[in-house]
Amino acid sequence: GALEKVFENFFADHIAMIELLEKQGFNEMDMKSFILENGDFIQERQNDLFIELGAKILGHEG
């Protein structure tokens, strides 16, 4: 259904970003350091992402 489709796309994007970062020489520790150093920004983006995912789910159902 709608939920599965939205999460399939979300996880595909997430995996692609991780692979691209690794190809550029970044690793998991680099990502964790970035998250620690940018906590407020990450929290703000998470809130935006939750709203975006909710809208996509509702858009598929409606």
PDB file of N, CA and C in Angstrom:
ATOM      1  N   GLY A   1       0.797  -1.180   0.000  1.00  0.00           N
ATOM      2  CA  GLY A   1       0.000   0.000   0.000  1.00  0.00           C
ATOM      3  C   GLY A   1       0.846   1.253   0.000  1.00  0.00           C
ATOM      4  N   ALA A   2       0.244   2.328   0.370  1.00  0.00           N
ATOM      5  CA  ALA A   2       0.893   3.639   0.354  1.00  0.00           C
ATOM      6  C   ALA A   2       2.090   3.693   1.290  1.00  0.00           C
ATOM      7  N   LEU A   3       1.923   3.165   2.489  1.00  0.00           N
ATOM      8  CA  LEU A   3       3.000   3.200   3.475  1.00  0.00           C
ATOM      9  C   LEU A   3       4.224   2.444   2.982  1.00  0.00           C
ATOM     10  N   GLU A   4       3.997   1.262   2.434  1.00  0.00           N
ATOM     11  CA  GLU A   4       5.113   0.456   1.936  1.00  0.00           C
ATOM     12  C   GLU A   4       5.852   1.167   0.811  1.00  0.00           C
ATOM     13  N   LYS A   5       5.116   1.780  -0.101  1.00  0.00           N
ATOM     14  CA  LYS A   5       5.726   2.471  -1.241  1.00  0.00           C
ATOM     15  C   LYS A   5       6.573   3.651  -0.778  1.00  0.00           C
ATOM     16  N   VAL A   6       6.049   4.437   0.149  1.00  0.00           N
ATOM     17  CA  VAL A   6       6.791   5.594   0.653  1.00  0.00           C
ATOM     18  C   VAL A   6       8.075   5.140   1.337  1.00  0.00           C
ATOM     19  N   PHE A   7       7.985   4.089   2.159  1.00  0.00           N
ATOM     20  CA  PHE A   7       9.182   3.626   2.851  1.00  0.00           C
ATOM     21  C   PHE A   7      10.163   2.937   1.913  1.00  0.00           C
ATOM     22  N   GLU A   8       9.697   2.248   0.892  1.00  0.00           N
ATOM     23  CA  GLU A   8      10.605   1.672  -0.107  1.00  0.00           C
ATOM     24  C   GLU A   8      11.427   2.780  -0.755  1.00  0.00           C
ATOM     25  N   ASN A   9      10.767   3.856  -1.144  1.00  0.00           N
ATOM     26  CA  ASN A   9      11.469   4.984  -1.763  1.00  0.00           C
ATOM     27  C   ASN A   9      12.418   5.659  -0.779  1.00  0.00           C
ATOM     28  N   PHE A  10      11.977   5.827   0.458  1.00  0.00           N
ATOM     29  CA  PHE A  10      12.811   6.452   1.484  1.00  0.00           C
ATOM     30  C   PHE A  10      14.074   5.632   1.723  1.00  0.00           C
ATOM     31  N   PHE A  11      13.924   4.319   1.875  1.00  0.00           N
ATOM     32  CA  PHE A  11      15.088   3.472   2.126  1.00  0.00           C
ATOM     33  C   PHE A  11      16.004   3.399   0.910  1.00  0.00           C
ATOM     34  N   ALA A  12      15.453   3.414  -0.284  1.00  0.00           N
ATOM     35  CA  ALA A  12      16.284   3.427  -1.492  1.00  0.00           C
ATOM     36  C   ALA A  12      17.126   4.704  -1.534  1.00  0.00           C
ATOM     37  N   ASP A  13      16.517   5.839  -1.218  1.00  0.00           N
ATOM     38  CA  ASP A  13      17.257   7.103  -1.168  1.00  0.00           C
ATOM     39  C   ASP A  13      18.344   7.055  -0.100  1.00  0.00           C
ATOM     40  N   HIS A  14      18.005   6.531   1.064  1.00  0.00           N
ATOM     41  CA  HIS A  14      18.953   6.439   2.181  1.00  0.00           C
ATOM     42  C   HIS A  14      20.156   5.572   1.805  1.00  0.00           C
ATOM     43  N   ILE A  15      19.891   4.420   1.234  1.00  0.00           N
ATOM     44  CA  ILE A  15      20.964   3.508   0.828  1.00  0.00           C
ATOM     45  C   ILE A  15      21.834   4.156  -0.242  1.00  0.00           C
ATOM     46  N   ALA A  16      21.213   4.818  -1.208  1.00  0.00           N
ATOM     47  CA  ALA A  16      21.974   5.481  -2.269  1.00  0.00           C
ATOM     48  C   ALA A  16      22.889   6.562  -1.698  1.00  0.00           C
ATOM     49  N   MET A  17      22.386   7.339  -0.742  1.00  0.00           N
ATOM     50  CA  MET A  17      23.213   8.383  -0.136  1.00  0.00           C
ATOM     51  C   MET A  17      24.400   7.788   0.609  1.00  0.00           C
ATOM     52  N   ILE A  18      24.176   6.719   1.348  1.00  0.00           N
ATOM     53  CA  ILE A  18      25.270   6.067   2.069  1.00  0.00           C
ATOM     54  C   ILE A  18      26.321   5.557   1.091  1.00  0.00           C
ATOM     55  N   GLU A  19      25.882   4.916   0.026  1.00  0.00           N
ATOM     56  CA  GLU A  19      26.823   4.395  -0.970  1.00  0.00           C
ATOM     57  C   GLU A  19      27.624   5.521  -1.621  1.00  0.00           C
ATOM     58  N   LEU A  20      26.950   6.623  -1.951  1.00  0.00           N
ATOM     59  CA  LEU A  20      27.651   7.766  -2.548  1.00  0.00           C
ATOM     60  C   LEU A  20      28.677   8.360  -1.585  1.00  0.00           C
ATOM     61  N   LEU A  21      28.309   8.477  -0.312  1.00  0.00           N
ATOM     62  CA  LEU A  21      29.250   8.998   0.681  1.00  0.00           C
ATOM     63  C   LEU A  21      30.465   8.090   0.820  1.00  0.00           C
ATOM     64  N   GLU A  22      30.235   6.774   0.847  1.00  0.00           N
ATOM     65  CA  GLU A  22      31.344   5.834   0.960  1.00  0.00           C
ATOM     66  C   GLU A  22      32.257   5.918  -0.254  1.00  0.00           C
ATOM     67  N   LYS A  23      31.690   6.105  -1.441  1.00  0.00           N
ATOM     68  CA  LYS A  23      32.509   6.252  -2.652  1.00  0.00           C
ATOM     69  C   LYS A  23      33.344   7.527  -2.604  1.00  0.00           C
ATOM     70  N   GLN A  24      32.867   8.531  -1.866  1.00  0.00           N
ATOM     71  CA  GLN A  24      33.606   9.781  -1.716  1.00  0.00           C
ATOM     72  C   GLN A  24      34.616   9.719  -0.569  1.00  0.00           C
ATOM     73  N   GLY A  25      34.713   8.565   0.102  1.00  0.00           N
ATOM     74  CA  GLY A  25      35.695   8.388   1.165  1.00  0.00           C
ATOM     75  C   GLY A  25      35.172   8.610   2.573  1.00  0.00           C
ATOM     76  N   PHE A  26      33.883   8.830   2.724  1.00  0.00           N
ATOM     77  CA  PHE A  26      33.306   9.004   4.053  1.00  0.00           C
ATOM     78  C   PHE A  26      32.917   7.645   4.616  1.00  0.00           C
ATOM     79  N   ASN A  27      32.967   7.531   5.951  1.00  0.00           N
ATOM     80  CA  ASN A  27      32.582   6.270   6.575  1.00  0.00           C
ATOM     81  C   ASN A  27      31.589   6.530   7.705  1.00  0.00           C
ATOM     82  N   GLU A  28      31.229   5.476   8.403  1.00  0.00           N
ATOM     83  CA  GLU A  28      30.216   5.580   9.461  1.00  0.00           C
ATOM     84  C   GLU A  28      30.653   6.531  10.574  1.00  0.00           C
ATOM     85  N   MET A  29      31.935   6.519  10.919  1.00  0.00           N
ATOM     86  CA  MET A  29      32.426   7.423  11.968  1.00  0.00           C
ATOM     87  C   MET A  29      32.312   8.887  11.531  1.00  0.00           C
ATOM     88  N   ASP A  30      32.573   9.161  10.261  1.00  0.00           N
ATOM     89  CA  ASP A  30      32.404  10.522   9.744  1.00  0.00           C
ATOM     90  C   ASP A  30      30.953  10.966   9.889  1.00  0.00           C
ATOM     91  N   MET A  31      30.029  10.067   9.581  1.00  0.00           N
ATOM     92  CA  MET A  31      28.612  10.393   9.673  1.00  0.00           C
ATOM     93  C   MET A  31      28.210  10.630  11.128  1.00  0.00           C
ATOM     94  N   LYS A  32      28.682   9.779  12.039  1.00  0.00           N
ATOM     95  CA  LYS A  32      28.349   9.947  13.456  1.00  0.00           C
ATOM     96  C   LYS A  32      28.909  11.258  13.996  1.00  0.00           C
ATOM     97  N   SER A  33      30.117  11.609  13.590  1.00  0.00           N
ATOM     98  CA  SER A  33      30.713  12.880  14.014  1.00  0.00           C
ATOM     99  C   SER A  33      29.890  14.058  13.504  1.00  0.00           C
ATOM    100  N   PHE A  34      29.470  13.984  12.258  1.00  0.00           N
ATOM    101  CA  PHE A  34      28.649  15.049  11.686  1.00  0.00           C
ATOM    102  C   PHE A  34      27.348  15.201  12.466  1.00  0.00           C
ATOM    103  N   ILE A  35      26.724  14.088  12.806  1.00  0.00           N
ATOM    104  CA  ILE A  35      25.469  14.123  13.559  1.00  0.00           C
ATOM    105  C   ILE A  35      25.688  14.765  14.925  1.00  0.00           C
ATOM    106  N   LEU A  36      26.767  14.383  15.615  1.00  0.00           N
ATOM    107  CA  LEU A  36      27.057  14.962  16.928  1.00  0.00           C
ATOM    108  C   LEU A  36      27.322  16.462  16.841  1.00  0.00           C
ATOM    109  N   GLU A  37      28.029  16.885  15.805  1.00  0.00           N
ATOM    110  CA  GLU A  37      28.391  18.292  15.656  1.00  0.00           C
ATOM    111  C   GLU A  37      27.232  19.150  15.153  1.00  0.00           C
ATOM    112  N   ASN A  38      26.208  18.534  14.590  1.00  0.00           N
ATOM    113  CA  ASN A  38      25.111  19.275  13.961  1.00  0.00           C
ATOM    114  C   ASN A  38      23.752  18.811  14.463  1.00  0.00           C
ATOM    115  N   GLY A  39      23.661  18.528  15.745  1.00  0.00           N
ATOM    116  CA  GLY A  39      22.448  17.967  16.329  1.00  0.00           C
ATOM    117  C   GLY A  39      21.193  18.792  16.093  1.00  0.00           C
ATOM    118  N   ASP A  40      21.299  20.113  16.269  1.00  0.00           N
ATOM    119  CA  ASP A  40      20.117  20.966  16.089  1.00  0.00           C
ATOM    120  C   ASP A  40      19.642  20.948  14.641  1.00  0.00           C
ATOM    121  N   PHE A  41      20.592  21.032  13.713  1.00  0.00           N
ATOM    122  CA  PHE A  41      20.250  20.986  12.292  1.00  0.00           C
ATOM    123  C   PHE A  41      19.612  19.647  11.937  1.00  0.00           C
ATOM    124  N   ILE A  42      20.179  18.561  12.457  1.00  0.00           N
ATOM    125  CA  ILE A  42      19.649  17.226  12.181  1.00  0.00           C
ATOM    126  C   ILE A  42      18.220  17.116  12.708  1.00  0.00           C
ATOM    127  N   GLN A  43      17.979  17.612  13.921  1.00  0.00           N
ATOM    128  CA  GLN A  43      16.638  17.559  14.507  1.00  0.00           C
ATOM    129  C   GLN A  43      15.639  18.333  13.654  1.00  0.00           C
ATOM    130  N   GLU A  44      16.046  19.497  13.190  1.00  0.00           N
ATOM    131  CA  GLU A  44      15.172  20.309  12.336  1.00  0.00           C
ATOM    132  C   GLU A  44      14.839  19.572  11.038  1.00  0.00           C
ATOM    133  N   ARG A  45      15.844  18.973  10.431  1.00  0.00           N
ATOM    134  CA  ARG A  45      15.633  18.229   9.183  1.00  0.00           C
ATOM    135  C   ARG A  45      14.778  16.991   9.417  1.00  0.00           C
ATOM    136  N   GLN A  46      14.937  16.347  10.582  1.00  0.00           N
ATOM    137  CA  GLN A  46      14.090  15.190  10.897  1.00  0.00           C
ATOM    138  C   GLN A  46      12.634  15.608  10.943  1.00  0.00           C
ATOM    139  N   ASN A  47      12.365  16.723  11.587  1.00  0.00           N
ATOM    140  CA  ASN A  47      10.988  17.211  11.661  1.00  0.00           C
ATOM    141  C   ASN A  47      10.434  17.481  10.265  1.00  0.00           C
ATOM    142  N   ASP A  48      11.237  18.106   9.411  1.00  0.00           N
ATOM    143  CA  ASP A  48      10.814  18.358   8.031  1.00  0.00           C
ATOM    144  C   ASP A  48      10.542  17.051   7.299  1.00  0.00           C
ATOM    145  N   LEU A  49      11.411  16.068   7.519  1.00  0.00           N
ATOM    146  CA  LEU A  49      11.272  14.781   6.845  1.00  0.00           C
ATOM    147  C   LEU A  49      10.010  14.046   7.297  1.00  0.00           C
ATOM    148  N   PHE A  50       9.697  14.107   8.594  1.00  0.00           N
ATOM    149  CA  PHE A  50       8.473  13.474   9.086  1.00  0.00           C
ATOM    150  C   PHE A  50       7.246  14.085   8.413  1.00  0.00           C
ATOM    151  N   ILE A  51       7.242  15.404   8.289  1.00  0.00           N
ATOM    152  CA  ILE A  51       6.125  16.083   7.632  1.00  0.00           C
ATOM    153  C   ILE A  51       6.038  15.658   6.170  1.00  0.00           C
ATOM    154  N   GLU A  52       7.186  15.617   5.491  1.00  0.00           N
ATOM    155  CA  GLU A  52       7.218  15.230   4.078  1.00  0.00           C
ATOM    156  C   GLU A  52       6.742  13.793   3.880  1.00  0.00           C
ATOM    157  N   LEU A  53       7.224  12.876   4.725  1.00  0.00           N
ATOM    158  CA  LEU A  53       6.801  11.476   4.600  1.00  0.00           C
ATOM    159  C   LEU A  53       5.310  11.323   4.876  1.00  0.00           C
ATOM    160  N   GLY A  54       4.816  12.039   5.894  1.00  0.00           N
ATOM    161  CA  GLY A  54       3.389  11.993   6.193  1.00  0.00           C
ATOM    162  C   GLY A  54       2.551  12.477   5.022  1.00  0.00           C
ATOM    163  N   ALA A  55       2.992  13.559   4.391  1.00  0.00           N
ATOM    164  CA  ALA A  55       2.265  14.095   3.236  1.00  0.00           C
ATOM    165  C   ALA A  55       2.279  13.106   2.076  1.00  0.00           C
ATOM    166  N   LYS A  56       3.419  12.452   1.858  1.00  0.00           N
ATOM    167  CA  LYS A  56       3.503  11.470   0.778  1.00  0.00           C
ATOM    168  C   LYS A  56       2.586  10.282   1.046  1.00  0.00           C
ATOM    169  N   ILE A  57       2.559   9.826   2.289  1.00  0.00           N
ATOM    170  CA  ILE A  57       1.690   8.696   2.641  1.00  0.00           C
ATOM    171  C   ILE A  57       0.233   9.075   2.422  1.00  0.00           C
ATOM    172  N   LEU A  58      -0.152  10.243   2.922  1.00  0.00           N
ATOM    173  CA  LEU A  58      -1.540  10.684   2.765  1.00  0.00           C
ATOM    174  C   LEU A  58      -1.877  10.932   1.298  1.00  0.00           C
ATOM    175  N   GLY A  59      -0.917  11.417   0.533  1.00  0.00           N
ATOM    176  CA  GLY A  59      -1.135  11.651  -0.890  1.00  0.00           C
ATOM    177  C   GLY A  59      -1.379  10.369  -1.656  1.00  0.00           C
ATOM    178  N   HIS A  60      -0.690   9.296  -1.270  1.00  0.00           N
ATOM    179  CA  HIS A  60      -0.891   8.003  -1.925  1.00  0.00           C
ATOM    180  C   HIS A  60      -2.231   7.384  -1.537  1.00  0.00           C
ATOM    181  N   GLU A  61      -2.655   7.645  -0.296  1.00  0.00           N
ATOM    182  CA  GLU A  61      -3.909   7.054   0.172  1.00  0.00           C
ATOM    183  C   GLU A  61      -5.113   7.812  -0.359  1.00  0.00           C
ATOM    184  N   GLY A  62      -4.954   9.131  -0.556  1.00  0.00           N
ATOM    185  CA  GLY A  62      -6.080   9.964  -0.972  1.00  0.00           C
ATOM    186  C   GLY A  62      -6.289   9.827  -2.426  1.00  0.00           C
TER     187      GLY A  62
END
